[in-house]
Amino acid sequence: MTKDDVICMASKAGLTIGTNMSGIALVGSPAEIGIAHITLDEMHHFADIVVAAEREACAKWFDSEEDRPFYGRHVAAAIRTRGQHGD
């Protein structure tokens, strides 16, 4: 997962992305000048998006190559199903 991927997911979660004067990326909405703030609900939503992206990346890996074990597609389906149930 790249820095750009994480920033894109943060945007999907509704977080504000900016850069401070030192060039450090900040995620959240400023509660006070110079402080990045993320509510607990925003953090949970962001974490859910990251987990879903990682789960899909794992499933795609099992789906992607012919040299995966014969059960690879079954594993990919199980990973995706688990994600649908919120596990």
Protein backbone atom coordinates (compact mmCIF):
# COMPACT_ATOMS: atom_id res chain seq x y z
CA MET A 1 0.00 0.00 0.00
CA THR A 2 1.50 3.31 -1.04
CA LYS A 3 1.29 6.72 0.65
CA ASP A 4 -1.05 7.82 -2.15
CA ASP A 5 -3.29 4.81 -1.48
CA VAL A 6 -3.57 5.75 2.19
CA ILE A 7 -4.32 9.38 1.33
CA CYS A 8 -7.02 8.25 -1.11
CA MET A 9 -8.59 6.04 1.57
CA ALA A 10 -8.48 8.89 4.07
CA SER A 11 -10.36 11.05 1.55
CA LYS A 12 -12.95 8.29 1.10
CA ALA A 13 -13.40 8.27 4.87
CA GLY A 14 -14.21 11.98 4.72
CA LEU A 15 -10.99 13.14 6.34
CA THR A 16 -9.26 16.35 5.36
CA ILE A 17 -5.72 15.98 4.05
CA GLY A 18 -3.24 18.83 4.17
CA THR A 19 0.42 19.61 4.62
CA ASN A 20 1.99 21.68 7.35
CA MET A 21 4.85 24.14 6.87
CA SER A 22 7.39 21.34 7.36
CA GLY A 23 5.87 19.32 4.52
CA ILE A 24 4.42 16.72 6.87
CA ALA A 25 1.06 15.36 5.73
CA LEU A 26 -1.76 15.88 8.20
CA VAL A 27 -5.01 13.96 8.18
CA GLY A 28 -8.12 15.15 9.98
CA SER A 29 -9.70 18.49 10.59
CA PRO A 30 -7.83 21.10 12.61
CA ALA A 31 -9.35 21.46 16.06
CA GLU A 32 -6.81 24.14 16.90
CA ILE A 33 -4.17 25.88 14.85
CA GLY A 34 -1.32 23.47 14.22
CA ILE A 35 -3.09 20.39 15.57
CA ALA A 36 -4.60 17.65 13.42
CA HIS A 37 -7.72 16.18 14.98
CA ILE A 38 -9.62 13.01 14.06
CA THR A 39 -12.73 11.91 15.92
CA LEU A 40 -13.03 8.32 17.08
CA ASP A 41 -15.81 7.70 14.54
CA GLU A 42 -13.62 9.08 11.73
CA MET A 43 -10.74 6.85 12.84
CA HIS A 44 -12.99 3.76 12.89
CA HIS A 45 -14.37 4.58 9.44
CA PHE A 46 -10.85 5.07 8.07
CA ALA A 47 -9.68 1.81 9.67
CA ASP A 48 -12.61 -0.06 8.10
CA ILE A 49 -11.66 1.26 4.66
CA VAL A 50 -7.99 0.27 5.14
CA VAL A 51 -8.94 -3.22 6.33
CA ALA A 52 -11.25 -3.71 3.34
CA ALA A 53 -8.50 -2.62 0.95
CA GLU A 54 -5.98 -5.00 2.50
CA ARG A 55 -8.50 -7.85 2.48
CA GLU A 56 -9.19 -7.28 -1.21
CA ALA A 57 -5.46 -7.12 -1.97
CA CYS A 58 -5.02 -10.53 -0.30
CA ALA A 59 -7.96 -12.00 -2.20
CA LYS A 60 -6.62 -10.64 -5.51
CA TRP A 61 -3.25 -12.21 -4.80
CA PHE A 62 -4.84 -15.63 -4.43
CA ASP A 63 -6.94 -15.03 -7.56
CA SER A 64 -4.15 -13.63 -9.71
CA GLU A 65 -1.67 -16.32 -10.56
CA GLU A 66 -1.99 -19.69 -12.20
CA ASP A 67 0.77 -21.12 -10.04
CA ARG A 68 -1.15 -20.56 -6.80
CA PRO A 69 -2.24 -23.76 -5.12
CA PHE A 70 -5.41 -25.24 -6.60
CA TYR A 71 -7.37 -23.96 -3.63
CA GLY A 72 -6.31 -20.33 -4.19
CA ARG A 73 -9.64 -19.22 -5.62
CA HIS A 74 -11.46 -20.84 -2.70
CA VAL A 75 -9.25 -18.93 -0.27
CA ALA A 76 -9.91 -15.68 -2.17
CA ALA A 77 -13.67 -16.29 -1.99
CA ALA A 78 -13.44 -17.01 1.75
CA ILE A 79 -11.50 -13.79 2.34
CA ARG A 80 -14.11 -11.77 0.47
CA THR A 81 -17.01 -13.51 2.24
CA ARG A 82 -15.47 -12.81 5.63
CA GLY A 83 -15.31 -9.12 4.72
CA GLN A 84 -18.99 -9.07 3.79
CA HIS A 85 -19.93 -10.33 7.23
CA GLY A 86 -17.98 -7.61 8.99
CA ASP A 87 -15.50 -10.01 10.57
